[in-house]
Amino acid sequence: MKKLENYRDFSQHASEMERAGAWKQAESAWEKAATVARRRENQEWAENRRLFCAHYVRYPARRPEVNHG
């Protein structure tokens, strides 16, 4: 796997983890993306995505892949 170094690397990895349903890993990658982002918009986006993923880590029954009915 390629070494993750910049916002683009971390955000792409985080997006892949989200699509795979790996919410904890996605949360961590978004956190890293926020810390290396240079643009305020990217920092805010990454922090909001981190919070979104953290919600699914904390409340697994609310995850989109869970069948509720």
Protein backbone atom coordinates (compact mmCIF):
# COMPACT_ATOMS: atom_id res chain seq x y z
CA MET A 1 0.00 0.00 0.00
CA LYS A 2 1.15 3.50 -0.85
CA LYS A 3 2.29 5.66 2.04
CA LEU A 4 -0.35 8.22 2.94
CA GLU A 5 1.16 11.69 3.06
CA ASN A 6 -1.26 14.43 2.07
CA TYR A 7 -4.91 15.41 2.22
CA ARG A 8 -5.75 13.73 -1.05
CA ASP A 9 -4.16 10.44 0.04
CA PHE A 10 -5.92 10.38 3.41
CA SER A 11 -9.28 11.51 2.03
CA GLN A 12 -9.24 8.88 -0.73
CA HIS A 13 -8.34 6.20 1.80
CA ALA A 14 -11.08 7.40 4.16
CA SER A 15 -13.63 7.31 1.35
CA GLU A 16 -12.62 3.76 0.47
CA MET A 17 -12.97 2.72 4.11
CA GLU A 18 -16.44 4.29 4.27
CA ARG A 19 -17.55 2.39 1.17
CA ALA A 20 -16.22 -0.82 2.73
CA GLY A 21 -18.12 -0.14 5.97
CA ALA A 22 -14.87 0.14 7.95
CA TRP A 23 -16.12 3.10 9.98
CA LYS A 24 -13.37 3.16 12.64
CA GLN A 25 -10.62 3.16 10.00
CA ALA A 26 -12.48 5.82 8.02
CA GLU A 27 -12.80 7.96 11.13
CA SER A 28 -9.07 7.72 11.73
CA ALA A 29 -8.21 8.53 8.12
CA TRP A 30 -10.52 11.57 8.10
CA GLU A 31 -8.87 12.76 11.32
CA LYS A 32 -5.45 12.55 9.65
CA ALA A 33 -6.80 14.26 6.53
CA ALA A 34 -8.04 17.17 8.64
CA THR A 35 -4.63 17.60 10.27
CA VAL A 36 -2.71 17.71 6.98
CA ALA A 37 -5.25 19.76 4.99
CA ARG A 38 -4.01 23.17 3.94
CA ARG A 39 -7.35 24.66 2.94
CA ARG A 40 -9.90 25.49 5.60
CA GLU A 41 -12.69 24.00 3.47
CA ASN A 42 -10.87 20.67 3.38
CA GLN A 43 -10.22 20.78 7.12
CA GLU A 44 -13.90 21.38 7.79
CA TRP A 45 -15.02 18.70 5.34
CA ALA A 46 -12.66 16.13 6.86
CA GLU A 47 -13.74 16.97 10.40
CA ASN A 48 -17.42 16.66 9.45
CA ARG A 49 -16.79 13.30 7.76
CA ARG A 50 -14.86 12.17 10.85
CA LEU A 51 -17.85 13.02 13.03
CA PHE A 52 -20.16 11.20 10.61
CA CYS A 53 -18.01 8.05 10.82
CA ALA A 54 -17.68 8.38 14.61
CA HIS A 55 -21.48 8.33 14.83
CA TYR A 56 -21.58 4.94 13.11
CA VAL A 57 -18.76 3.64 15.29
CA ARG A 58 -20.69 4.65 18.40
CA TYR A 59 -24.12 3.52 17.15
CA PRO A 60 -23.60 0.38 15.02
CA ALA A 61 -27.34 -0.32 14.68
CA ARG A 62 -27.73 2.92 12.71
CA ARG A 63 -25.22 1.95 10.04
CA PRO A 64 -26.63 2.02 6.53
CA GLU A 65 -25.79 -1.64 5.85
CA VAL A 66 -27.94 -2.82 8.77
CA ASN A 67 -31.35 -4.13 7.71
CA HIS A 68 -33.99 -2.59 9.95
CA GLY A 69 -36.98 -4.36 8.72
